[in-house]
Amino acid sequence: MYCEYIYLFYNGNIETKKGGIGLMISNHKKNRLLSAFLAIVMTVMMLPVNTSATGEGDIVLGTAGIQAYDKIYFGQYASGGAYNVPWFVLNKTADSATLLSEYILRSSAFRTGLYGYYTESTLSENMRSLYYDYGANHLLFNAKEKTAVSTTTLTGDSMYPGQSDLTGQRLYALSYSEAESIGSDNPILIARYIHDQSGSAGEWWLRSSSLYNEAWAIGNTYSEVTHRPYIIKNAYDSSGVRPVFNLNLDSVLFSSAASAGKSPV
């Protein structure tokens, strides 16, 4: 079971966020309300954090209660509709959390050129376009949310042995070894498309590949032989884009009053 969190920004004003839909309290006439609310926030933050394995009935303000495989709503994606984007926490340090989108956001070939690794791939271009938008009207994060997205360096060996490290990444794809570290039997590896959340699971790319025709992906089911979801696909075929990013926890507060498995209300 997991906890679900909404988030709040503090940057001179309090902005409450629930799945990317926010209310900004900045009107001069509301200064007294803002001051009172901020006082409550700071008071609660000094109290001990109380969380349970299920999260039922708990209220968490801050980031101390966030654990692996909790779910965080952050950003919004437009694809035949506007969807609040939930992310699974893969791991967490004192000031950062690695988040994997619960859903596949779009489809893409791994590459369209004659050869190349993730660095030059169509997949990595899709990750950049999700962050920077490139005029496609599929902006995932607003300007304030982007300030909480940390840059990440991807080790070259995670793409193919002997490759150079890839610096300055905002959104990226998991590597084969990173997917393995989640656990082959972990159900979060199987994902649906965000525009068809009750539909069948889809396949999605990892960033590990050969130089030419093949790349690793996560399948839409577990192999009956290996009991693992990993598959090798033709790099020119279409598969899912499921982003990962590192969230700067110093930039956000989190609040949860949801029971496990239920969306915050």
C-alpha atoms as a PDB file:
ATOM      1  CA  MET A   1       0.000   0.000   0.000  1.00  0.00           C
ATOM      2  CA  TYR A   2       1.159   3.532  -0.595  1.00  0.00           C
ATOM      3  CA  CYS A   3       0.465   7.098   0.439  1.00  0.00           C
ATOM      4  CA  GLU A   4      -0.623   9.731  -2.049  1.00  0.00           C
ATOM      5  CA  TYR A   5       0.586  13.301  -1.741  1.00  0.00           C
ATOM      6  CA  ILE A   6      -0.348  16.704  -3.029  1.00  0.00           C
ATOM      7  CA  TYR A   7       2.266  19.419  -2.997  1.00  0.00           C
ATOM      8  CA  LEU A   8       2.620  23.058  -2.027  1.00  0.00           C
ATOM      9  CA  PHE A   9       5.171  25.632  -3.143  1.00  0.00           C
ATOM     10  CA  TYR A  10       6.404  28.412  -0.928  1.00  0.00           C
ATOM     11  CA  ASN A  11       8.080  31.289  -2.728  1.00  0.00           C
ATOM     12  CA  GLY A  12       6.992  34.482  -1.020  1.00  0.00           C
ATOM     13  CA  ASN A  13       3.398  33.311  -1.308  1.00  0.00           C
ATOM     14  CA  ILE A  14       1.708  30.037  -0.543  1.00  0.00           C
ATOM     15  CA  GLU A  15       0.515  28.131  -3.569  1.00  0.00           C
ATOM     16  CA  THR A  16      -1.408  24.949  -2.959  1.00  0.00           C
ATOM     17  CA  LYS A  17      -1.209  22.319  -5.636  1.00  0.00           C
ATOM     18  CA  LYS A  18      -3.300  19.233  -6.194  1.00  0.00           C
ATOM     19  CA  GLY A  19      -2.300  17.280  -9.237  1.00  0.00           C
ATOM     20  CA  GLY A  20      -1.045  20.371 -11.000  1.00  0.00           C
ATOM     21  CA  ILE A  21      -4.155  22.457 -10.342  1.00  0.00           C
ATOM     22  CA  GLY A  22      -3.248  25.359  -8.111  1.00  0.00           C
ATOM     23  CA  LEU A  23      -4.697  28.229  -6.127  1.00  0.00           C
ATOM     24  CA  MET A  24      -2.396  31.215  -5.630  1.00  0.00           C
ATOM     25  CA  ILE A  25      -3.117  33.384  -2.588  1.00  0.00           C
ATOM     26  CA  SER A  26      -1.434  36.638  -3.552  1.00  0.00           C
ATOM     27  CA  ASN A  27      -4.136  39.318  -3.457  1.00  0.00           C
ATOM     28  CA  HIS A  28      -3.155  42.183  -1.132  1.00  0.00           C
ATOM     29  CA  LYS A  29      -6.522  41.901   0.591  1.00  0.00           C
ATOM     30  CA  LYS A  30      -5.690  38.326   1.525  1.00  0.00           C
ATOM     31  CA  ASN A  31      -2.416  39.099   3.260  1.00  0.00           C
ATOM     32  CA  ARG A  32      -3.871  38.426   6.696  1.00  0.00           C
ATOM     33  CA  LEU A  33      -5.210  35.065   5.498  1.00  0.00           C
ATOM     34  CA  LEU A  34      -1.830  34.246   3.959  1.00  0.00           C
ATOM     35  CA  SER A  35       0.000  35.130   7.161  1.00  0.00           C
ATOM     36  CA  ALA A  36      -2.335  32.979   9.230  1.00  0.00           C
ATOM     37  CA  PHE A  37      -1.987  30.051   6.842  1.00  0.00           C
ATOM     38  CA  LEU A  38       1.796  30.347   6.782  1.00  0.00           C
ATOM     39  CA  ALA A  39       1.861  30.380  10.570  1.00  0.00           C
ATOM     40  CA  ILE A  40      -0.151  27.139  10.608  1.00  0.00           C
ATOM     41  CA  VAL A  41       2.207  25.578   8.035  1.00  0.00           C
ATOM     42  CA  MET A  42       5.310  26.473  10.028  1.00  0.00           C
ATOM     43  CA  THR A  43       3.735  25.294  13.293  1.00  0.00           C
ATOM     44  CA  VAL A  44       2.763  21.912  11.863  1.00  0.00           C
ATOM     45  CA  MET A  45       6.202  21.479  10.292  1.00  0.00           C
ATOM     46  CA  MET A  46       7.750  21.659  13.775  1.00  0.00           C
ATOM     47  CA  LEU A  47       5.550  18.797  14.984  1.00  0.00           C
ATOM     48  CA  PRO A  48       6.672  15.160  14.717  1.00  0.00           C
ATOM     49  CA  VAL A  49       5.643  13.563  11.434  1.00  0.00           C
ATOM     50  CA  ASN A  50       3.265  10.652  11.924  1.00  0.00           C
ATOM     51  CA  THR A  51       2.950   8.187   9.073  1.00  0.00           C
ATOM     52  CA  SER A  52       1.814   4.606   8.867  1.00  0.00           C
ATOM     53  CA  ALA A  53       2.429   1.827   6.359  1.00  0.00           C
ATOM     54  CA  THR A  54      -0.945   2.457   4.774  1.00  0.00           C
ATOM     55  CA  GLY A  55      -1.170   6.221   5.190  1.00  0.00           C
ATOM     56  CA  GLU A  56      -4.774   5.914   6.330  1.00  0.00           C
ATOM     57  CA  GLY A  57      -5.957   9.061   7.992  1.00  0.00           C
ATOM     58  CA  ASP A  58      -2.479  10.508   8.338  1.00  0.00           C
ATOM     59  CA  ILE A  59      -1.571  14.093   7.529  1.00  0.00           C
ATOM     60  CA  VAL A  60       1.987  14.725   6.407  1.00  0.00           C
ATOM     61  CA  LEU A  61       3.354  18.222   5.905  1.00  0.00           C
ATOM     62  CA  GLY A  62       6.942  18.386   4.703  1.00  0.00           C
ATOM     63  CA  THR A  63       8.929  15.600   3.051  1.00  0.00           C
ATOM     64  CA  ALA A  64      10.028  13.374   5.940  1.00  0.00           C
ATOM     65  CA  GLY A  65       7.116  10.982   5.553  1.00  0.00           C
ATOM     66  CA  ILE A  66       7.691  10.243   1.875  1.00  0.00           C
ATOM     67  CA  GLN A  67       8.825   6.680   1.230  1.00  0.00           C
ATOM     68  CA  ALA A  68       9.702   4.485  -1.741  1.00  0.00           C
ATOM     69  CA  TYR A  69       6.689   3.681  -3.940  1.00  0.00           C
ATOM     70  CA  ASP A  70       4.532   6.419  -2.477  1.00  0.00           C
ATOM     71  CA  LYS A  71       2.717   8.354  -5.169  1.00  0.00           C
ATOM     72  CA  ILE A  72       3.115  12.095  -5.798  1.00  0.00           C
ATOM     73  CA  TYR A  73       0.922  14.172  -8.091  1.00  0.00           C
ATOM     74  CA  PHE A  74       3.089  16.696  -9.909  1.00  0.00           C
ATOM     75  CA  GLY A  75       2.443  18.394 -13.266  1.00  0.00           C
ATOM     76  CA  GLN A  76      -0.230  17.970 -15.870  1.00  0.00           C
ATOM     77  CA  TYR A  77      -0.163  16.410 -19.336  1.00  0.00           C
ATOM     78  CA  ALA A  78      -2.448  17.231 -22.256  1.00  0.00           C
ATOM     79  CA  SER A  79      -3.085  14.428 -24.723  1.00  0.00           C
ATOM     80  CA  GLY A  80      -6.693  14.267 -25.822  1.00  0.00           C
ATOM     81  CA  GLY A  81      -7.506  15.840 -22.456  1.00  0.00           C
ATOM     82  CA  ALA A  82      -5.767  17.257 -19.399  1.00  0.00           C
ATOM     83  CA  TYR A  83      -4.396  14.641 -17.011  1.00  0.00           C
ATOM     84  CA  ASN A  84      -2.908  15.175 -13.569  1.00  0.00           C
ATOM     85  CA  VAL A  85       0.318  13.170 -13.532  1.00  0.00           C
ATOM     86  CA  PRO A  86       1.050  10.749 -10.674  1.00  0.00           C
ATOM     87  CA  TRP A  87       4.646   9.668 -10.033  1.00  0.00           C
ATOM     88  CA  PHE A  88       6.035   6.752  -8.034  1.00  0.00           C
ATOM     89  CA  VAL A  89       8.891   7.521  -5.622  1.00  0.00           C
ATOM     90  CA  LEU A  90      11.738   5.171  -6.583  1.00  0.00           C
ATOM     91  CA  ASN A  91      14.148   6.411  -3.942  1.00  0.00           C
ATOM     92  CA  LYS A  92      14.647   9.413  -1.680  1.00  0.00           C
ATOM     93  CA  THR A  93      17.549  11.218  -0.025  1.00  0.00           C
ATOM     94  CA  ALA A  94      17.455  14.151   2.373  1.00  0.00           C
ATOM     95  CA  ASP A  95      17.024  16.691  -0.415  1.00  0.00           C
ATOM     96  CA  SER A  96      15.967  14.748  -3.524  1.00  0.00           C
ATOM     97  CA  ALA A  97      13.512  12.099  -4.701  1.00  0.00           C
ATOM     98  CA  THR A  98      13.651  10.082  -7.924  1.00  0.00           C
ATOM     99  CA  LEU A  99      10.192   9.865  -9.485  1.00  0.00           C
ATOM    100  CA  LEU A 100       8.862   7.550 -12.217  1.00  0.00           C
ATOM    101  CA  SER A 101       5.653   8.455 -14.030  1.00  0.00           C
ATOM    102  CA  GLU A 102       2.899   5.998 -13.173  1.00  0.00           C
ATOM    103  CA  TYR A 103       1.707   6.150 -16.777  1.00  0.00           C
ATOM    104  CA  ILE A 104       3.211   6.068 -20.243  1.00  0.00           C
ATOM    105  CA  LEU A 105       2.744   9.566 -21.653  1.00  0.00           C
ATOM    106  CA  ARG A 106       3.293   9.071 -25.377  1.00  0.00           C
ATOM    107  CA  SER A 107       4.750   6.732 -28.021  1.00  0.00           C
ATOM    108  CA  SER A 108       8.003   7.010 -29.944  1.00  0.00           C
ATOM    109  CA  ALA A 109      10.640   5.012 -31.765  1.00  0.00           C
ATOM    110  CA  PHE A 110      13.855   4.568 -29.794  1.00  0.00           C
ATOM    111  CA  ARG A 111      15.735   6.067 -32.721  1.00  0.00           C
ATOM    112  CA  THR A 112      15.033   7.145 -36.282  1.00  0.00           C
ATOM    113  CA  GLY A 113      18.655   7.605 -37.429  1.00  0.00           C
ATOM    114  CA  LEU A 114      20.828   4.824 -38.817  1.00  0.00           C
ATOM    115  CA  TYR A 115      22.613   4.191 -35.511  1.00  0.00           C
ATOM    116  CA  GLY A 116      23.338   5.698 -32.099  1.00  0.00           C
ATOM    117  CA  TYR A 117      22.768   5.266 -28.405  1.00  0.00           C
ATOM    118  CA  TYR A 118      20.342   7.061 -26.081  1.00  0.00           C
ATOM    119  CA  THR A 119      22.350  10.292 -26.278  1.00  0.00           C
ATOM    120  CA  GLU A 120      21.363  10.812 -29.929  1.00  0.00           C
ATOM    121  CA  SER A 121      18.044   8.977 -29.778  1.00  0.00           C
ATOM    122  CA  THR A 122      14.495   9.959 -30.628  1.00  0.00           C
ATOM    123  CA  LEU A 123      13.602   8.776 -27.128  1.00  0.00           C
ATOM    124  CA  SER A 124      15.895  11.327 -25.455  1.00  0.00           C
ATOM    125  CA  GLU A 125      14.510  14.013 -27.780  1.00  0.00           C
ATOM    126  CA  ASN A 126      11.022  13.131 -26.546  1.00  0.00           C
ATOM    127  CA  MET A 127      12.177  13.548 -22.962  1.00  0.00           C
ATOM    128  CA  ARG A 128      13.530  17.007 -23.766  1.00  0.00           C
ATOM    129  CA  SER A 129      10.328  17.994 -25.553  1.00  0.00           C
ATOM    130  CA  LEU A 130       8.228  16.955 -22.549  1.00  0.00           C
ATOM    131  CA  TYR A 131      10.229  19.342 -20.380  1.00  0.00           C
ATOM    132  CA  TYR A 132      10.787  22.224 -22.791  1.00  0.00           C
ATOM    133  CA  ASP A 133       7.516  21.729 -24.757  1.00  0.00           C
ATOM    134  CA  TYR A 134       8.952  22.893 -28.126  1.00  0.00           C
ATOM    135  CA  GLY A 135       5.543  24.378 -29.039  1.00  0.00           C
ATOM    136  CA  ALA A 136       3.808  20.995 -29.042  1.00  0.00           C
ATOM    137  CA  ASN A 137       1.255  22.115 -26.416  1.00  0.00           C
ATOM    138  CA  HIS A 138       2.172  19.114 -24.287  1.00  0.00           C
ATOM    139  CA  LEU A 139       3.913  21.057 -21.537  1.00  0.00           C
ATOM    140  CA  LEU A 140       4.311  18.785 -18.536  1.00  0.00           C
ATOM    141  CA  PHE A 141       5.434  21.324 -15.923  1.00  0.00           C
ATOM    142  CA  ASN A 142       4.659  25.006 -15.494  1.00  0.00           C
ATOM    143  CA  ALA A 143       7.416  27.538 -14.828  1.00  0.00           C
ATOM    144  CA  LYS A 144       7.287  27.171 -11.062  1.00  0.00           C
ATOM    145  CA  GLU A 145       7.227  23.371 -11.196  1.00  0.00           C
ATOM    146  CA  LYS A 146      10.303  23.421 -13.425  1.00  0.00           C
ATOM    147  CA  THR A 147      12.289  25.104 -10.634  1.00  0.00           C
ATOM    148  CA  ALA A 148      11.891  21.906  -8.600  1.00  0.00           C
ATOM    149  CA  VAL A 149      13.178  19.590 -11.358  1.00  0.00           C
ATOM    150  CA  SER A 150      16.881  18.897 -10.765  1.00  0.00           C
ATOM    151  CA  THR A 151      19.461  18.241 -13.465  1.00  0.00           C
ATOM    152  CA  THR A 152      20.770  14.681 -13.550  1.00  0.00           C
ATOM    153  CA  THR A 153      23.911  13.059 -14.959  1.00  0.00           C
ATOM    154  CA  LEU A 154      23.343   9.687 -16.617  1.00  0.00           C
ATOM    155  CA  THR A 155      26.366   7.386 -16.540  1.00  0.00           C
ATOM    156  CA  GLY A 156      27.577   6.310 -19.955  1.00  0.00           C
ATOM    157  CA  ASP A 157      27.636   2.628 -19.018  1.00  0.00           C
ATOM    158  CA  SER A 158      23.903   2.789 -18.260  1.00  0.00           C
ATOM    159  CA  MET A 159      23.313   3.374 -21.986  1.00  0.00           C
ATOM    160  CA  TYR A 160      26.032   1.121 -23.396  1.00  0.00           C
ATOM    161  CA  PRO A 161      29.431   0.094 -21.943  1.00  0.00           C
ATOM    162  CA  GLY A 162      32.142   2.642 -22.633  1.00  0.00           C
ATOM    163  CA  GLN A 163      29.873   5.572 -23.471  1.00  0.00           C
ATOM    164  CA  SER A 164      30.447   9.067 -22.086  1.00  0.00           C
ATOM    165  CA  ASP A 165      28.276  10.380 -19.281  1.00  0.00           C
ATOM    166  CA  LEU A 166      25.248  12.460 -20.293  1.00  0.00           C
ATOM    167  CA  THR A 167      24.945  15.611 -18.184  1.00  0.00           C
ATOM    168  CA  GLY A 168      22.197  18.166 -17.625  1.00  0.00           C
ATOM    169  CA  GLN A 169      19.214  15.830 -18.051  1.00  0.00           C
ATOM    170  CA  ARG A 170      15.831  16.925 -16.673  1.00  0.00           C
ATOM    171  CA  LEU A 171      13.547  14.087 -17.791  1.00  0.00           C
ATOM    172  CA  TYR A 172      15.070  10.767 -18.829  1.00  0.00           C
ATOM    173  CA  ALA A 173      14.346   7.080 -19.350  1.00  0.00           C
ATOM    174  CA  LEU A 174      15.297   4.373 -16.890  1.00  0.00           C
ATOM    175  CA  SER A 175      18.230   2.117 -17.750  1.00  0.00           C
ATOM    176  CA  TYR A 176      18.062  -1.669 -17.728  1.00  0.00           C
ATOM    177  CA  SER A 177      19.988  -1.842 -14.441  1.00  0.00           C
ATOM    178  CA  GLU A 178      17.792   0.813 -12.828  1.00  0.00           C
ATOM    179  CA  ALA A 179      14.666  -1.101 -13.828  1.00  0.00           C
ATOM    180  CA  GLU A 180      16.199  -4.282 -12.396  1.00  0.00           C
ATOM    181  CA  SER A 181      16.903  -2.504  -9.113  1.00  0.00           C
ATOM    182  CA  ILE A 182      13.163  -1.849  -8.743  1.00  0.00           C
ATOM    183  CA  GLY A 183      12.596  -5.591  -8.797  1.00  0.00           C
ATOM    184  CA  SER A 184      11.425  -7.775 -11.659  1.00  0.00           C
ATOM    185  CA  ASP A 185       8.244  -8.674  -9.822  1.00  0.00           C
ATOM    186  CA  ASN A 186       7.379  -5.114  -8.792  1.00  0.00           C
ATOM    187  CA  PRO A 187       4.001  -4.263 -10.374  1.00  0.00           C
ATOM    188  CA  ILE A 188       4.921  -0.628 -10.960  1.00  0.00           C
ATOM    189  CA  LEU A 189       7.002  -1.758 -13.955  1.00  0.00           C
ATOM    190  CA  ILE A 190       3.812  -2.593 -15.850  1.00  0.00           C
ATOM    191  CA  ALA A 191       2.198   0.635 -17.058  1.00  0.00           C
ATOM    192  CA  ARG A 192      -0.806   1.872 -19.026  1.00  0.00           C
ATOM    193  CA  TYR A 193      -1.091   4.957 -21.211  1.00  0.00           C
ATOM    194  CA  ILE A 194      -2.248   8.088 -19.429  1.00  0.00           C
ATOM    195  CA  HIS A 195      -5.009   8.683 -21.980  1.00  0.00           C
ATOM    196  CA  ASP A 196      -6.340   5.127 -21.478  1.00  0.00           C
ATOM    197  CA  GLN A 197      -5.866   4.465 -17.779  1.00  0.00           C
ATOM    198  CA  SER A 198      -8.360   1.601 -17.652  1.00  0.00           C
ATOM    199  CA  GLY A 199      -7.025  -0.007 -20.845  1.00  0.00           C
ATOM    200  CA  SER A 200      -4.379  -2.613 -21.470  1.00  0.00           C
ATOM    201  CA  ALA A 201      -0.783  -2.158 -20.367  1.00  0.00           C
ATOM    202  CA  GLY A 202       1.726  -0.954 -22.933  1.00  0.00           C
ATOM    203  CA  GLU A 203       5.413  -1.493 -23.628  1.00  0.00           C
ATOM    204  CA  TRP A 204       7.877   1.302 -22.805  1.00  0.00           C
ATOM    205  CA  TRP A 205      11.492   2.041 -23.641  1.00  0.00           C
ATOM    206  CA  LEU A 206      14.533   1.854 -21.403  1.00  0.00           C
ATOM    207  CA  ARG A 207      17.605   3.909 -22.346  1.00  0.00           C
ATOM    208  CA  SER A 208      19.894   0.871 -22.728  1.00  0.00           C
ATOM    209  CA  SER A 209      20.449  -0.263 -26.320  1.00  0.00           C
ATOM    210  CA  SER A 210      22.819  -1.595 -28.933  1.00  0.00           C
ATOM    211  CA  LEU A 211      24.414   0.736 -31.476  1.00  0.00           C
ATOM    212  CA  TYR A 212      22.129  -0.310 -34.314  1.00  0.00           C
ATOM    213  CA  ASN A 213      18.854  -2.195 -34.326  1.00  0.00           C
ATOM    214  CA  GLU A 214      17.951  -3.226 -30.789  1.00  0.00           C
ATOM    215  CA  ALA A 215      16.978  -1.572 -27.526  1.00  0.00           C
ATOM    216  CA  TRP A 216      15.652  -2.774 -24.187  1.00  0.00           C
ATOM    217  CA  ALA A 217      12.073  -2.127 -23.141  1.00  0.00           C
ATOM    218  CA  ILE A 218       9.601  -3.172 -20.484  1.00  0.00           C
ATOM    219  CA  GLY A 219       6.844  -5.378 -21.864  1.00  0.00           C
ATOM    220  CA  ASN A 220       3.144  -5.277 -21.111  1.00  0.00           C
ATOM    221  CA  THR A 221       3.212  -8.594 -19.264  1.00  0.00           C
ATOM    222  CA  TYR A 222       5.596 -11.007 -17.561  1.00  0.00           C
ATOM    223  CA  SER A 223       7.305 -13.734 -19.566  1.00  0.00           C
ATOM    224  CA  GLU A 224       5.932 -17.196 -18.811  1.00  0.00           C
ATOM    225  CA  VAL A 225       9.484 -18.527 -19.151  1.00  0.00           C
ATOM    226  CA  THR A 226      11.621 -15.984 -17.287  1.00  0.00           C
ATOM    227  CA  HIS A 227       8.870 -14.353 -15.195  1.00  0.00           C
ATOM    228  CA  ARG A 228      10.478 -11.021 -16.035  1.00  0.00           C
ATOM    229  CA  PRO A 229       9.031  -8.100 -18.017  1.00  0.00           C
ATOM    230  CA  TYR A 230      12.188  -7.173 -19.987  1.00  0.00           C
ATOM    231  CA  ILE A 231      12.079  -7.449 -23.767  1.00  0.00           C
ATOM    232  CA  ILE A 232      14.358  -6.514 -26.674  1.00  0.00           C
ATOM    233  CA  LYS A 233      12.657  -4.510 -29.414  1.00  0.00           C
ATOM    234  CA  ASN A 234      13.588  -3.214 -32.821  1.00  0.00           C
ATOM    235  CA  ALA A 235      14.807   0.312 -32.096  1.00  0.00           C
ATOM    236  CA  TYR A 236      12.780   1.681 -35.010  1.00  0.00           C
ATOM    237  CA  ASP A 237       9.471   0.319 -33.703  1.00  0.00           C
ATOM    238  CA  SER A 238       7.124   2.422 -31.615  1.00  0.00           C
ATOM    239  CA  SER A 239       6.954   1.971 -27.855  1.00  0.00           C
ATOM    240  CA  GLY A 240       6.047   4.003 -24.804  1.00  0.00           C
ATOM    241  CA  VAL A 241       7.772   7.053 -23.299  1.00  0.00           C
ATOM    242  CA  ARG A 242       7.701   6.877 -19.492  1.00  0.00           C
ATOM    243  CA  PRO A 243       9.785   9.669 -17.934  1.00  0.00           C
ATOM    244  CA  VAL A 244      11.819   9.805 -14.755  1.00  0.00           C
ATOM    245  CA  PHE A 245      13.163  12.879 -12.986  1.00  0.00           C
ATOM    246  CA  ASN A 246      14.795  13.970  -9.746  1.00  0.00           C
ATOM    247  CA  LEU A 247      12.698  16.310  -7.618  1.00  0.00           C
ATOM    248  CA  ASN A 248      14.414  18.918  -5.450  1.00  0.00           C
ATOM    249  CA  LEU A 249      12.662  18.452  -2.110  1.00  0.00           C
ATOM    250  CA  ASP A 250      13.917  21.811  -0.833  1.00  0.00           C
ATOM    251  CA  SER A 251      11.543  23.491  -3.299  1.00  0.00           C
ATOM    252  CA  VAL A 252       8.276  21.870  -2.246  1.00  0.00           C
ATOM    253  CA  LEU A 253       6.170  20.884   0.707  1.00  0.00           C
ATOM    254  CA  PHE A 254       3.862  17.885   0.638  1.00  0.00           C
ATOM    255  CA  SER A 255       0.545  17.305   2.281  1.00  0.00           C
ATOM    256  CA  SER A 256      -1.473  14.106   2.389  1.00  0.00           C
ATOM    257  CA  ALA A 257      -4.739  13.322   4.070  1.00  0.00           C
ATOM    258  CA  ALA A 258      -5.690  10.517   1.700  1.00  0.00           C
ATOM    259  CA  SER A 259      -6.249   6.926   2.649  1.00  0.00           C
ATOM    260  CA  ALA A 260      -4.003   4.437   0.908  1.00  0.00           C
ATOM    261  CA  GLY A 261      -5.012   3.760  -2.654  1.00  0.00           C
ATOM    262  CA  LYS A 262      -7.339   6.769  -2.804  1.00  0.00           C
ATOM    263  CA  SER A 263      -6.782  10.068  -4.551  1.00  0.00           C
ATOM    264  CA  PRO A 264      -6.531  13.159  -2.318  1.00  0.00           C
ATOM    265  CA  VAL A 265      -9.782  15.108  -2.112  1.00  0.00           C
END
